Each structure stands twice: as structure tokens, then as C-alpha cells.
Amino acid sequence: MFEAYAQTPDAGPTVDQTPDTLSEAVQRDPGVILDKIQSWVEGLQRLLPNLVVALVLLLVAAGIGWSVQRSLQRWGKRHDRDNLGAVLGSFLKWVVILAGALVALIIIVPTFRPGDLIAGLGIGSVAIGFAFKDILQNWLAGLLLLIRRPFRVGDEIVVNGYEGRVEWIETRATMIRTYDGRRAIIPNADVFTNAVTVNTAFPKRRSEYLVGIGYGDKIPAAREAILAAIRDLDDVEADPGPDVLAWELAGSSVNLKVRWWTDSHRTDVVHVQGRVIEAIKDALDRAGIDMPFPTQVVLLHDQTEEVDGIRGEQREGWPPRRDGPQPRPARQNSQS
């Protein structure tokens, strides 16, 4: 058997030494340090061409990834798919850079294999998968939203109780600007799995409002007055035109449902509805048609009769006793 370290009078210490043996050798011969440094320098010189090739390859991969990203962004702008071009461009850029980095690592370390890296992660890869589950889920949901396009940037939608204008769809979330000037950031997974109302999916949108008239008023006269007032408004669509339907016989009024069409954007819907209601009020006033408000009748019952009983002796509203003296009214009790 040969020992791991051996020294002869004519030969210096070998490279394969334990730390303790190496320190003793350095004390006897300080030239060991210079030999070690020289071996490192020679190894770096042998590895330098691989480093240069790997660095050039990584720069080329970064340039290709940047070019792919720019190309997809230009394609998205030409086809009105800015969001999709930005998301796909960013994703493919990093895919190209990662592939270039793996090839560069293989050039530097020829014994390196990507499969060994994945296998070495082991249980750690499962933990990383769980940690990035939500991120990947939102990214895939955002990609599907951009490809299928149930709504676009600029559309006005209602989702998860939030209503507003879509500003941007990114890899993680959908940005909505609410009508009161706030920004709602909704994860793409929630947008993709929940019901979404797209208010601007079509150019026109119908609005409606209930108007009550008196029971003594004529419904045809009220209908004609309302239609004449609505048709005079510029922002109300002529096709399809407005209509008025007798809708409900309420407690104190006959309710008519007034329906009209406007541009589907929220600003037009709200402002036109205000002008429509104002025009209806003025038209009914000029036509002498009553617009009654809810009426409530309250009946007060004085439970002081003999058949109603007396508090403390008989519960209110109960019938009189069958046997024995009948309870006297409360007025008689107070006088006695």
C-alpha cells in the first residue's frame, strides 16, 4: 500500500495533501504556496478559452432574447394585442437566456448535466413548485385571457364586486381603474374562474327606470308624454328607440317601466339617465299627470273596552272570561 503523501530528498511535496500535512510542508518549504498559486493560474489559463466562449454565448443568447421580445411587442402593436406581445415577449426572452446560460455552464464545466441539477433538487423542487403555484396559476390564467380575449384593455367590466375600466393585463394580475378614481388589482386566476360582466362588449346599452303615476291618470297619455320627452334628447339612441311599458300596480301608484338605449360607456349611461329622469318629470308636470309618493295608513286601536281586558289581569286582545266577573275598562279602573 502507498501512502497518500510521500516526500523524497530530490522531489518537492506533491499537491494531494491534507491541511495539516500541507501546513507542515509550508513551514519546511515556503515554495509550496507558489506551486499552488502556479497550478491555479495554469488551470485558469486552460479554462480561459471556455470562459470566453461561454461569455460570448451568454451575450448572444441575451441579444437573441431581446430581439425576440422586441419582435413580439411590434407584432402585438400591429395586431392590437399589446398585452399578449408584452407577456409572450418577456417569457420567451427569459427562456432563451436560461437556455444560453445552461449551454454556457456546460462549456465551462463539461461534466455538468442539466438533468443532474433537476434530480439534485429532489424534494426541494416540490417545495419550490408549491411556493410558485399561485404565480404560475396567475401567469397561465393571464396568458389564456390574452389569447381568448373575453375583454380588452379599455373595456369596462364587473368582476368580484369591482367595476371599472381595464387598464392593463400583466403576467400576475388585471389592473382596473374604478369609477371613483381608484385602482383594483385582481389576480388573473380570480378573473378567469369568476363570472365577468363586460359592459362595453357591444356599442349600445339599455337602461331602464320605474315611473309611478296616479290611478286616476290615463296610461296612454302618460306614455305619450314620456316618449315625446325622451325622443327629444340627443344622446338617446333612435334605433332601437325608447319604449314605455305598464309594469306594476303598486300600493299607491301605477308603475311604468321606461327603457332607452345609449352608448355603452359608463359616462354616457349615467349622464343620459340623469337627463332622462329630469325630462320625464317636466313632461308629466306639463301634462298634469300626478306622480304620487308612497302612502302609509296607520290605524290606532284603543284597547280599553270590556271585551279587550285589562293589563295585569288579562292579556290585550284576549276574549272575555267565560266564568266570573268580567274585567272593567281601564278608564273605570283609573277612576276607582
Protein backbone atom coordinates (compact mmCIF):
# COMPACT_ATOMS: atom_id res chain seq x y z
CA MET A 1 0.00 0.00 0.00
CA PHE A 2 1.18 3.51 -0.84
CA GLU A 3 0.60 6.44 1.48
CA ALA A 4 -1.36 9.49 0.33
CA TYR A 5 1.67 11.74 0.84
CA ALA A 6 5.29 10.88 0.25
CA GLN A 7 8.44 13.02 0.01
CA THR A 8 11.89 12.18 -1.28
CA PRO A 9 15.10 14.23 -0.87
CA ASP A 10 15.10 15.15 -4.57
CA ALA A 11 11.33 15.81 -5.06
CA GLY A 12 9.19 18.52 -3.52
CA PRO A 13 5.87 17.90 -1.82
CA THR A 14 3.01 16.69 -4.04
CA VAL A 15 -0.26 18.59 -4.48
CA ASP A 16 -2.53 15.98 -2.81
CA GLN A 17 -2.01 16.78 0.84
CA THR A 18 -4.18 17.07 3.90
CA PRO A 19 -4.43 20.54 5.53
CA ASP A 20 -2.22 19.58 8.48
CA THR A 21 0.43 17.96 6.27
CA LEU A 22 0.28 20.94 3.88
CA SER A 23 0.87 23.41 6.70
CA GLU A 24 3.86 21.40 7.92
CA ALA A 25 5.18 21.26 4.36
CA VAL A 26 4.77 25.05 4.03
CA GLN A 27 6.78 25.55 7.19
CA ARG A 28 9.61 23.36 5.82
CA ASP A 29 9.37 24.68 2.25
CA PRO A 30 7.52 28.04 1.62
CA GLY A 31 7.70 27.35 -2.11
CA VAL A 32 4.63 25.13 -1.78
CA ILE A 33 2.41 28.23 -1.80
CA LEU A 34 3.97 29.43 -5.03
CA ASP A 35 3.47 26.00 -6.56
CA LYS A 36 -0.20 26.04 -5.52
CA ILE A 37 -0.78 29.51 -6.98
CA GLN A 38 1.01 28.48 -10.15
CA SER A 39 -1.27 25.46 -10.52
CA TRP A 40 -4.32 27.70 -10.13
CA VAL A 41 -3.02 30.12 -12.73
CA GLU A 42 -2.31 27.29 -15.15
CA GLY A 43 -5.81 25.88 -14.56
CA LEU A 44 -7.31 29.34 -15.21
CA GLN A 45 -5.28 29.64 -18.40
CA ARG A 46 -6.57 26.29 -19.59
CA LEU A 47 -10.14 27.30 -18.64
CA LEU A 48 -9.93 30.84 -20.04
CA PRO A 49 -10.94 29.93 -23.64
CA ASN A 50 -14.01 28.13 -22.30
CA LEU A 51 -14.92 31.14 -20.16
CA VAL A 52 -14.61 33.46 -23.15
CA VAL A 53 -16.74 31.18 -25.34
CA ALA A 54 -19.34 30.82 -22.56
CA LEU A 55 -19.49 34.59 -22.02
CA VAL A 56 -19.88 35.25 -25.74
CA LEU A 57 -22.60 32.60 -25.93
CA LEU A 58 -24.45 34.15 -22.99
CA LEU A 59 -24.28 37.60 -24.61
CA VAL A 60 -25.55 36.16 -27.89
CA ALA A 61 -28.43 34.44 -26.07
CA ALA A 62 -29.31 37.71 -24.31
CA GLY A 63 -29.28 39.53 -27.68
CA ILE A 64 -31.49 36.88 -29.28
CA GLY A 65 -33.89 37.02 -26.33
CA TRP A 66 -34.07 40.81 -26.54
CA SER A 67 -34.71 40.61 -30.31
CA VAL A 68 -37.48 38.04 -29.79
CA GLN A 69 -39.10 40.27 -27.17
CA ARG A 70 -38.96 43.34 -29.41
CA SER A 71 -40.35 41.38 -32.37
CA LEU A 72 -43.32 40.10 -30.36
CA GLN A 73 -44.01 43.58 -28.98
CA ARG A 74 -44.05 45.03 -32.51
CA TRP A 75 -46.33 42.19 -33.63
CA GLY A 76 -48.68 42.93 -30.74
CA LYS A 77 -48.89 46.62 -31.62
CA ARG A 78 -49.64 45.86 -35.27
CA HIS A 79 -52.44 43.44 -34.36
CA ASP A 80 -53.85 45.40 -31.39
CA ARG A 81 -52.52 42.77 -28.97
CA ASP A 82 -50.11 44.86 -26.91
CA ASN A 83 -50.65 42.86 -23.72
CA LEU A 84 -50.12 39.49 -25.40
CA GLY A 85 -46.98 40.68 -27.17
CA ALA A 86 -45.52 42.02 -23.92
CA VAL A 87 -46.25 38.86 -21.91
CA LEU A 88 -45.06 36.38 -24.55
CA GLY A 89 -42.03 38.51 -25.40
CA SER A 90 -40.89 38.67 -21.79
CA PHE A 91 -41.46 34.94 -21.29
CA LEU A 92 -39.59 33.85 -24.44
CA LYS A 93 -36.73 36.26 -23.70
CA TRP A 94 -36.03 34.61 -20.36
CA VAL A 95 -36.43 31.14 -21.87
CA VAL A 96 -33.71 31.94 -24.44
CA ILE A 97 -31.43 33.48 -21.80
CA LEU A 98 -31.88 30.49 -19.48
CA ALA A 99 -31.10 28.06 -22.31
CA GLY A 100 -27.97 30.06 -23.18
CA ALA A 101 -26.89 30.07 -19.53
CA LEU A 102 -27.21 26.26 -19.32
CA VAL A 103 -25.16 25.78 -22.51
CA ALA A 104 -22.53 28.22 -21.20
CA LEU A 105 -22.33 26.30 -17.94
CA ILE A 106 -21.84 23.04 -19.83
CA ILE A 107 -18.96 24.66 -21.78
CA ILE A 108 -17.28 25.80 -18.56
CA VAL A 109 -17.94 22.55 -16.69
CA PRO A 110 -18.08 19.75 -19.29
CA THR A 111 -19.17 17.22 -16.66
CA PHE A 112 -22.27 19.27 -15.78
CA ARG A 113 -25.63 17.90 -16.93
CA PRO A 114 -28.93 19.78 -16.53
CA GLY A 115 -30.69 16.52 -15.69
CA ASP A 116 -28.37 16.04 -12.73
CA LEU A 117 -29.31 19.52 -11.48
CA ILE A 118 -33.02 18.74 -11.66
CA ALA A 119 -32.51 15.38 -9.97
CA GLY A 120 -30.39 17.00 -7.28
CA LEU A 121 -33.19 19.35 -6.33
CA GLY A 122 -35.23 16.36 -5.16
CA ILE A 123 -37.78 17.31 -2.52
CA GLY A 124 -36.69 20.92 -2.86
CA SER A 125 -38.24 21.06 -6.34
CA VAL A 126 -41.59 20.02 -4.85
CA ALA A 127 -41.35 22.79 -2.25
CA ILE A 128 -40.44 25.30 -4.95
CA GLY A 129 -43.40 24.11 -7.02
CA PHE A 130 -45.81 24.71 -4.14
CA ALA A 131 -44.24 28.11 -3.43
CA PHE A 132 -44.68 29.25 -7.03
CA LYS A 133 -48.07 27.56 -7.58
CA ASP A 134 -50.08 30.78 -7.33
CA ILE A 135 -47.62 32.66 -9.53
CA LEU A 136 -47.77 30.02 -12.25
CA GLN A 137 -51.55 29.77 -11.96
CA ASN A 138 -51.97 33.52 -12.38
CA TRP A 139 -49.48 33.57 -15.27
CA LEU A 140 -51.30 30.81 -17.16
CA ALA A 141 -54.67 32.44 -16.47
CA GLY A 142 -53.35 35.77 -17.75
CA LEU A 143 -51.98 34.09 -20.89
CA LEU A 144 -55.35 32.43 -21.58
CA LEU A 145 -57.16 35.74 -21.04
CA LEU A 146 -54.85 37.43 -23.53
CA ILE A 147 -55.24 34.67 -26.12
CA ARG A 148 -59.02 34.21 -25.84
CA ARG A 149 -59.73 37.94 -25.23
CA PRO A 150 -63.06 37.85 -23.37
CA PHE A 151 -62.39 41.56 -22.82
CA ARG A 152 -59.74 44.03 -23.92
CA VAL A 153 -57.80 46.90 -22.46
CA GLY A 154 -60.22 49.84 -22.32
CA ASP A 155 -63.32 47.71 -21.74
CA GLU A 156 -65.50 48.38 -18.71
CA ILE A 157 -66.11 45.22 -16.70
CA VAL A 158 -67.57 44.00 -13.41
CA VAL A 159 -65.71 41.17 -11.63
CA ASN A 160 -65.63 40.09 -7.99
CA GLY A 161 -67.59 43.16 -6.95
CA TYR A 162 -65.18 45.57 -8.69
CA GLU A 163 -66.41 47.69 -11.58
CA GLY A 164 -64.26 49.90 -13.76
CA ARG A 165 -62.12 50.27 -16.86
CA VAL A 166 -59.42 47.70 -17.70
CA GLU A 167 -56.07 49.49 -17.78
CA TRP A 168 -53.63 46.61 -18.30
CA ILE A 169 -53.35 42.82 -18.15
CA GLU A 170 -49.95 41.69 -16.89
CA THR A 171 -48.48 38.30 -16.01
CA ARG A 172 -49.87 38.30 -12.46
CA ALA A 173 -52.98 40.46 -12.30
CA THR A 174 -55.50 42.55 -14.19
CA MET A 175 -55.48 46.28 -13.42
CA ILE A 176 -58.89 48.00 -13.22
CA ARG A 177 -59.45 51.71 -12.70
CA THR A 178 -62.70 52.08 -10.76
CA TYR A 179 -65.15 54.88 -11.49
CA ASP A 180 -64.24 56.68 -8.26
CA GLY A 181 -60.60 57.02 -9.34
CA ARG A 182 -59.03 54.03 -7.58
CA ARG A 183 -57.04 51.08 -8.93
CA ALA A 184 -58.14 47.50 -8.27
CA ILE A 185 -55.51 44.78 -8.79
CA ILE A 186 -57.30 41.47 -9.32
CA PRO A 187 -55.32 38.20 -9.70
CA ASN A 188 -55.74 36.70 -13.14
CA ALA A 189 -56.83 33.36 -11.66
CA ASP A 190 -59.81 35.08 -9.99
CA VAL A 191 -60.72 36.87 -13.22
CA PHE A 192 -60.50 33.65 -15.22
CA THR A 193 -62.54 31.50 -12.81
CA ASN A 194 -65.26 34.02 -11.83
CA ALA A 195 -68.14 35.48 -13.79
CA VAL A 196 -67.25 38.72 -15.60
CA THR A 197 -69.75 41.25 -16.94
CA VAL A 198 -68.36 43.24 -19.88
CA ASN A 199 -70.42 46.43 -20.05
CA THR A 200 -68.76 47.64 -23.24
CA ALA A 201 -68.85 44.35 -25.15
CA PHE A 202 -71.41 45.94 -27.51
CA PRO A 203 -71.62 49.55 -28.68
CA LYS A 204 -75.10 50.17 -27.23
CA ARG A 205 -76.51 49.54 -23.78
CA ARG A 206 -80.08 49.65 -22.48
CA SER A 207 -81.10 51.47 -19.31
CA GLU A 208 -84.45 51.45 -17.52
CA TYR A 209 -86.30 53.31 -14.78
CA LEU A 210 -89.65 52.91 -12.98
CA VAL A 211 -92.02 55.90 -13.02
CA GLY A 212 -95.20 55.90 -10.93
CA ILE A 213 -98.42 57.70 -11.97
CA GLY A 214 -101.72 58.06 -10.16
CA TYR A 215 -104.52 55.53 -10.51
CA GLY A 216 -106.78 58.26 -11.83
CA ASP A 217 -104.42 59.15 -14.69
CA LYS A 218 -104.56 57.64 -18.17
CA ILE A 219 -101.67 55.33 -19.03
CA PRO A 220 -101.67 56.15 -22.80
CA ALA A 221 -101.42 59.87 -22.07
CA ALA A 222 -98.53 59.33 -19.67
CA ARG A 223 -96.80 57.05 -22.18
CA GLU A 224 -97.03 59.61 -24.98
CA ALA A 225 -95.74 62.41 -22.75
CA ILE A 226 -92.76 60.33 -21.61
CA LEU A 227 -91.83 59.14 -25.11
CA ALA A 228 -92.04 62.65 -26.53
CA ALA A 229 -89.72 63.94 -23.81
CA ILE A 230 -87.16 61.14 -24.28
CA ARG A 231 -87.05 61.32 -28.07
CA ASP A 232 -86.01 64.98 -27.89
CA LEU A 233 -82.77 64.09 -26.10
CA ASP A 234 -79.75 63.89 -28.41
CA ASP A 235 -77.88 61.14 -26.53
CA VAL A 236 -80.79 58.68 -26.55
CA GLU A 237 -80.48 56.23 -29.44
CA ALA A 238 -83.22 56.40 -32.08
CA ASP A 239 -82.63 52.78 -33.18
CA PRO A 240 -83.67 50.91 -31.15
CA GLY A 241 -85.97 53.58 -29.84
CA PRO A 242 -87.26 54.09 -26.29
CA ASP A 243 -90.40 52.41 -25.02
CA VAL A 244 -92.74 52.63 -22.01
CA LEU A 245 -94.47 49.57 -20.52
CA ALA A 246 -97.17 49.34 -17.86
CA TRP A 247 -95.26 47.25 -15.35
CA GLU A 248 -96.83 47.13 -11.90
CA LEU A 249 -99.97 48.03 -9.95
CA ALA A 250 -98.34 49.19 -6.75
CA GLY A 251 -99.95 50.24 -3.50
CA SER A 252 -100.20 53.94 -4.29
CA SER A 253 -99.26 54.22 -7.98
CA VAL A 254 -99.29 52.56 -11.38
CA ASN A 255 -95.64 51.95 -12.24
CA LEU A 256 -94.44 52.36 -15.81
CA LYS A 257 -91.08 50.96 -16.89
CA VAL A 258 -89.23 53.41 -19.14
CA ARG A 259 -86.47 51.87 -21.28
CA TRP A 260 -83.97 53.58 -23.59
CA TRP A 261 -80.64 52.88 -25.31
CA THR A 262 -77.38 54.85 -25.08
CA ASP A 263 -73.67 54.41 -25.73
CA SER A 264 -72.38 51.56 -23.56
CA HIS A 265 -69.70 53.53 -21.72
CA ARG A 266 -70.41 54.38 -18.10
CA THR A 267 -70.11 58.14 -18.54
CA ASP A 268 -72.82 58.23 -21.20
CA VAL A 269 -75.11 55.86 -19.30
CA VAL A 270 -75.03 57.89 -16.07
CA HIS A 271 -75.34 61.36 -17.58
CA VAL A 272 -78.07 60.37 -20.03
CA GLN A 273 -80.09 58.73 -17.24
CA GLY A 274 -80.00 61.97 -15.27
CA ARG A 275 -81.28 63.96 -18.25
CA VAL A 276 -83.96 61.34 -18.99
CA ILE A 277 -85.36 61.46 -15.45
CA GLU A 278 -85.39 65.26 -15.50
CA ALA A 279 -87.18 65.30 -18.87
CA ILE A 280 -89.80 62.78 -17.64
CA LYS A 281 -90.56 64.86 -14.55
CA ASP A 282 -91.01 68.05 -16.57
CA ALA A 283 -93.17 66.31 -19.22
CA LEU A 284 -95.56 64.76 -16.66
CA ASP A 285 -95.88 68.06 -14.81
CA ARG A 286 -96.81 69.86 -18.04
CA ALA A 287 -99.34 67.13 -18.90
CA GLY A 288 -100.96 67.42 -15.46
CA ILE A 289 -100.27 63.76 -14.63
CA ASP A 290 -99.90 63.00 -10.95
CA MET A 291 -96.73 61.32 -9.63
CA PRO A 292 -97.88 60.09 -6.19
CA PHE A 293 -95.46 59.23 -3.44
CA PRO A 294 -95.94 56.13 -1.24
CA THR A 295 -98.79 56.49 1.24
CA GLN A 296 -98.98 54.64 4.56
CA VAL A 297 -102.11 54.43 6.72
CA VAL A 298 -101.70 53.82 10.47
CA LEU A 299 -104.77 52.68 12.47
CA LEU A 300 -104.66 53.17 16.25
CA HIS A 301 -106.89 50.87 18.32
CA ASP A 302 -107.84 51.89 21.87
CA GLN A 303 -107.89 48.61 23.84
CA THR A 304 -109.90 49.85 26.80
CA GLU A 305 -113.20 48.11 26.12
CA GLU A 306 -114.53 45.43 28.42
CA VAL A 307 -114.06 42.68 25.82
CA ASP A 308 -110.37 43.56 25.44
CA GLY A 309 -109.41 43.01 29.04
CA ILE A 310 -107.25 44.96 31.46
CA ARG A 311 -103.46 44.95 31.66
CA GLY A 312 -102.23 42.97 34.62
CA GLU A 313 -105.40 40.91 34.77
CA GLN A 314 -105.93 39.85 31.19
CA ARG A 315 -103.67 39.95 28.13
CA GLU A 316 -104.59 42.51 25.50
CA GLY A 317 -106.76 41.27 22.69
CA TRP A 318 -107.94 38.18 24.52
CA PRO A 319 -111.65 37.29 24.57
CA PRO A 320 -113.68 37.90 27.73
CA ARG A 321 -113.78 35.33 30.53
CA ARG A 322 -116.36 32.57 30.50
CA ASP A 323 -116.73 32.42 34.26
CA GLY A 324 -116.52 35.02 36.96
CA PRO A 325 -116.68 38.78 36.76
CA GLN A 326 -115.66 40.44 33.56
CA PRO A 327 -112.72 42.88 33.69
CA ARG A 328 -113.71 46.50 33.72
CA PRO A 329 -112.41 49.06 31.21
CA ALA A 330 -109.15 50.82 32.04
CA ARG A 331 -110.96 54.13 32.45
CA GLN A 332 -113.15 52.69 35.22
CA ASN A 333 -110.09 51.19 36.93
CA SER A 334 -108.31 54.50 36.92
CA GLN A 335 -111.36 56.24 38.39
CA SER A 336 -111.88 53.68 41.18
